[in-house]
Amino acid sequence: MTANSDNKKPDQPSWRKPVGMLFIVFLILLWCGISVTFIDEISQLNFWLQLPIYIILGIAWIFPVKPLLLWMNTGKFRQ
């Protein structure tokens, strides 16, 4: 081992990860609330029309979370 590696401080945990996790939970709850407000209108549709709506609603929440995950790991919202 070199002298430099002995003097290094251990990496400190980042405050961005717990804050980011709270924002992710908030975004998911917000998305669920928005989705549930339209449940009556969606449930009146035919099954084959409901299916793509629920698939889109199930996947679309990921897109606002992606930049947040990047920020949690790098500190930047874009690469």
N, C-alpha and C. Protein backbone atom coordinates (compact mmCIF):
# COMPACT_ATOMS: atom_id res chain seq x y z
N MET A 1 0.83 -1.19 0.00
CA MET A 1 0.00 0.00 0.00
C MET A 1 0.86 1.24 0.00
N THR A 2 0.34 2.24 -0.60
CA THR A 2 1.08 3.50 -0.65
C THR A 2 0.66 4.37 0.52
N ALA A 3 1.42 5.41 0.71
CA ALA A 3 1.12 6.35 1.81
C ALA A 3 -0.18 7.10 1.54
N ASN A 4 -0.49 7.35 0.27
CA ASN A 4 -1.72 8.07 -0.06
C ASN A 4 -2.97 7.28 0.30
N SER A 5 -2.93 5.97 0.07
CA SER A 5 -4.13 5.17 0.35
C SER A 5 -4.36 5.04 1.85
N ASP A 6 -3.31 5.13 2.67
CA ASP A 6 -3.48 5.05 4.12
C ASP A 6 -4.08 6.33 4.69
N ASN A 7 -3.83 7.46 4.05
CA ASN A 7 -4.31 8.74 4.57
C ASN A 7 -5.71 9.10 4.07
N LYS A 8 -6.29 8.32 3.17
CA LYS A 8 -7.61 8.65 2.63
C LYS A 8 -8.67 8.46 3.70
N LYS A 9 -9.62 9.37 3.68
CA LYS A 9 -10.77 9.23 4.57
C LYS A 9 -11.78 8.31 3.90
N PRO A 10 -12.51 7.54 4.68
CA PRO A 10 -13.55 6.71 4.05
C PRO A 10 -14.63 7.59 3.45
N ASP A 11 -15.23 7.11 2.38
CA ASP A 11 -16.28 7.87 1.72
C ASP A 11 -17.44 8.11 2.67
N GLN A 12 -17.86 9.35 2.72
CA GLN A 12 -19.01 9.72 3.55
C GLN A 12 -20.29 9.46 2.76
N PRO A 13 -21.33 8.98 3.43
CA PRO A 13 -22.59 8.78 2.71
C PRO A 13 -23.14 10.11 2.21
N SER A 14 -23.75 10.07 1.06
CA SER A 14 -24.29 11.27 0.45
C SER A 14 -25.67 11.57 1.01
N TRP A 15 -25.98 12.84 1.22
CA TRP A 15 -27.31 13.24 1.69
C TRP A 15 -28.33 13.14 0.57
N ARG A 16 -27.83 13.06 -0.70
CA ARG A 16 -28.74 13.02 -1.83
C ARG A 16 -29.55 11.74 -1.88
N LYS A 17 -29.01 10.63 -1.42
CA LYS A 17 -29.73 9.36 -1.51
C LYS A 17 -30.98 9.32 -0.62
N PRO A 18 -30.91 9.67 0.66
CA PRO A 18 -32.15 9.67 1.44
C PRO A 18 -33.16 10.71 0.96
N VAL A 19 -32.67 11.88 0.56
CA VAL A 19 -33.58 12.91 0.04
C VAL A 19 -34.21 12.44 -1.26
N GLY A 20 -33.42 11.82 -2.12
CA GLY A 20 -33.94 11.29 -3.38
C GLY A 20 -34.97 10.20 -3.16
N MET A 21 -34.73 9.34 -2.18
CA MET A 21 -35.71 8.29 -1.88
C MET A 21 -37.03 8.88 -1.40
N LEU A 22 -36.97 9.93 -0.60
CA LEU A 22 -38.20 10.58 -0.16
C LEU A 22 -38.94 11.21 -1.34
N PHE A 23 -38.20 11.83 -2.26
CA PHE A 23 -38.83 12.40 -3.45
C PHE A 23 -39.46 11.32 -4.33
N ILE A 24 -38.79 10.17 -4.44
CA ILE A 24 -39.35 9.07 -5.24
C ILE A 24 -40.66 8.59 -4.64
N VAL A 25 -40.69 8.41 -3.32
CA VAL A 25 -41.93 8.00 -2.66
C VAL A 25 -43.01 9.04 -2.88
N PHE A 26 -42.65 10.32 -2.76
CA PHE A 26 -43.62 11.39 -2.99
C PHE A 26 -44.15 11.36 -4.42
N LEU A 27 -43.26 11.18 -5.40
CA LEU A 27 -43.69 11.14 -6.80
C LEU A 27 -44.61 9.94 -7.07
N ILE A 28 -44.30 8.79 -6.48
CA ILE A 28 -45.14 7.62 -6.68
C ILE A 28 -46.52 7.84 -6.06
N LEU A 29 -46.56 8.42 -4.86
CA LEU A 29 -47.86 8.70 -4.23
C LEU A 29 -48.65 9.73 -5.04
N LEU A 30 -47.97 10.73 -5.55
CA LEU A 30 -48.64 11.73 -6.38
C LEU A 30 -49.18 11.09 -7.66
N TRP A 31 -48.39 10.25 -8.29
CA TRP A 31 -48.82 9.58 -9.51
C TRP A 31 -50.01 8.66 -9.24
N CYS A 32 -50.00 7.95 -8.12
CA CYS A 32 -51.13 7.10 -7.75
C CYS A 32 -52.38 7.94 -7.52
N GLY A 33 -52.24 9.07 -6.87
CA GLY A 33 -53.38 9.95 -6.64
C GLY A 33 -53.97 10.47 -7.93
N ILE A 34 -53.11 10.86 -8.87
CA ILE A 34 -53.57 11.33 -10.17
C ILE A 34 -54.28 10.20 -10.93
N SER A 35 -53.69 9.01 -10.89
CA SER A 35 -54.28 7.87 -11.59
C SER A 35 -55.63 7.48 -11.02
N VAL A 36 -55.75 7.52 -9.70
CA VAL A 36 -56.99 7.11 -9.05
C VAL A 36 -58.12 8.09 -9.33
N THR A 37 -57.81 9.35 -9.58
CA THR A 37 -58.88 10.31 -9.86
C THR A 37 -59.61 9.97 -11.15
N PHE A 38 -58.96 9.23 -12.04
CA PHE A 38 -59.58 8.87 -13.32
C PHE A 38 -60.12 7.44 -13.33
N ILE A 39 -60.13 6.76 -12.19
CA ILE A 39 -60.50 5.35 -12.15
C ILE A 39 -61.95 5.12 -12.57
N ASP A 40 -62.85 6.03 -12.22
CA ASP A 40 -64.25 5.84 -12.60
C ASP A 40 -64.43 5.89 -14.11
N GLU A 41 -63.78 6.85 -14.75
CA GLU A 41 -63.89 6.96 -16.20
C GLU A 41 -63.24 5.77 -16.90
N ILE A 42 -62.10 5.33 -16.38
CA ILE A 42 -61.39 4.21 -17.00
C ILE A 42 -62.17 2.91 -16.82
N SER A 43 -62.77 2.71 -15.66
CA SER A 43 -63.47 1.45 -15.40
C SER A 43 -64.72 1.29 -16.25
N GLN A 44 -65.24 2.35 -16.81
CA GLN A 44 -66.42 2.26 -17.68
C GLN A 44 -66.05 1.86 -19.10
N LEU A 45 -64.78 1.86 -19.42
CA LEU A 45 -64.33 1.50 -20.77
C LEU A 45 -64.29 -0.01 -20.94
N ASN A 46 -64.21 -0.43 -22.18
CA ASN A 46 -64.03 -1.83 -22.52
C ASN A 46 -62.68 -2.31 -21.99
N PHE A 47 -62.58 -3.61 -21.69
CA PHE A 47 -61.33 -4.18 -21.17
C PHE A 47 -60.16 -3.88 -22.08
N TRP A 48 -60.35 -3.99 -23.39
CA TRP A 48 -59.25 -3.81 -24.33
C TRP A 48 -58.82 -2.35 -24.44
N LEU A 49 -59.65 -1.44 -24.00
CA LEU A 49 -59.24 -0.04 -23.90
C LEU A 49 -58.60 0.25 -22.54
N GLN A 50 -59.05 -0.45 -21.52
CA GLN A 50 -58.46 -0.27 -20.19
C GLN A 50 -57.03 -0.78 -20.14
N LEU A 51 -56.79 -1.90 -20.80
CA LEU A 51 -55.48 -2.55 -20.73
C LEU A 51 -54.33 -1.62 -21.13
N PRO A 52 -54.36 -0.95 -22.29
CA PRO A 52 -53.23 -0.06 -22.60
C PRO A 52 -53.14 1.15 -21.67
N ILE A 53 -54.28 1.61 -21.18
CA ILE A 53 -54.25 2.75 -20.24
C ILE A 53 -53.52 2.36 -18.97
N TYR A 54 -53.84 1.18 -18.43
CA TYR A 54 -53.18 0.74 -17.20
C TYR A 54 -51.70 0.43 -17.44
N ILE A 55 -51.37 -0.08 -18.60
CA ILE A 55 -49.95 -0.33 -18.92
C ILE A 55 -49.19 0.99 -18.99
N ILE A 56 -49.78 1.98 -19.66
CA ILE A 56 -49.12 3.29 -19.76
C ILE A 56 -48.99 3.93 -18.38
N LEU A 57 -50.06 3.88 -17.59
CA LEU A 57 -50.00 4.45 -16.24
C LEU A 57 -48.98 3.72 -15.36
N GLY A 58 -48.82 2.42 -15.59
CA GLY A 58 -47.86 1.65 -14.80
C GLY A 58 -46.42 1.90 -15.16
N ILE A 59 -46.17 2.34 -16.39
CA ILE A 59 -44.80 2.56 -16.84
C ILE A 59 -44.41 4.03 -16.81
N ALA A 60 -45.35 4.93 -17.01
CA ALA A 60 -45.05 6.36 -17.20
C ALA A 60 -44.41 7.02 -15.98
N TRP A 61 -44.63 6.48 -14.79
CA TRP A 61 -44.07 7.11 -13.59
C TRP A 61 -42.55 7.00 -13.56
N ILE A 62 -42.00 6.09 -14.36
CA ILE A 62 -40.55 5.88 -14.34
C ILE A 62 -39.81 7.07 -14.95
N PHE A 63 -40.40 7.72 -15.96
CA PHE A 63 -39.69 8.79 -16.67
C PHE A 63 -39.33 9.99 -15.79
N PRO A 64 -40.19 10.47 -14.89
CA PRO A 64 -39.73 11.56 -14.01
C PRO A 64 -38.75 11.09 -12.94
N VAL A 65 -38.71 9.79 -12.68
CA VAL A 65 -37.82 9.27 -11.64
C VAL A 65 -36.40 9.08 -12.17
N LYS A 66 -36.24 8.85 -13.47
CA LYS A 66 -34.91 8.61 -14.04
C LYS A 66 -33.93 9.75 -13.76
N PRO A 67 -34.29 11.04 -14.01
CA PRO A 67 -33.33 12.09 -13.68
C PRO A 67 -33.05 12.19 -12.19
N LEU A 68 -34.03 11.85 -11.39
CA LEU A 68 -33.84 11.89 -9.94
C LEU A 68 -32.84 10.82 -9.51
N LEU A 69 -32.92 9.64 -10.08
CA LEU A 69 -31.94 8.59 -9.78
C LEU A 69 -30.54 8.98 -10.24
N LEU A 70 -30.46 9.62 -11.38
CA LEU A 70 -29.16 10.10 -11.87
C LEU A 70 -28.59 11.14 -10.92
N TRP A 71 -29.43 12.06 -10.44
CA TRP A 71 -28.99 13.08 -9.49
C TRP A 71 -28.52 12.45 -8.18
N MET A 72 -29.23 11.42 -7.74
CA MET A 72 -28.85 10.76 -6.49
C MET A 72 -27.44 10.16 -6.60
N ASN A 73 -27.09 9.65 -7.76
CA ASN A 73 -25.80 8.99 -7.93
C ASN A 73 -24.67 9.92 -8.32
N THR A 74 -24.97 10.97 -9.11
CA THR A 74 -23.89 11.80 -9.64
C THR A 74 -23.93 13.25 -9.16
N GLY A 75 -25.09 13.72 -8.72
CA GLY A 75 -25.23 15.11 -8.34
C GLY A 75 -25.64 16.00 -9.51
N LYS A 76 -25.86 15.40 -10.68
CA LYS A 76 -26.29 16.15 -11.87
C LYS A 76 -27.58 15.53 -12.38
N PHE A 77 -28.44 16.36 -12.99
CA PHE A 77 -29.68 15.84 -13.52
C PHE A 77 -29.52 15.30 -14.94
N ARG A 78 -28.41 15.65 -15.60
CA ARG A 78 -28.12 15.15 -16.94
C ARG A 78 -26.72 14.59 -16.96
N GLN A 79 -26.47 13.68 -17.88
CA GLN A 79 -25.14 13.07 -17.96
C GLN A 79 -24.12 13.97 -18.56
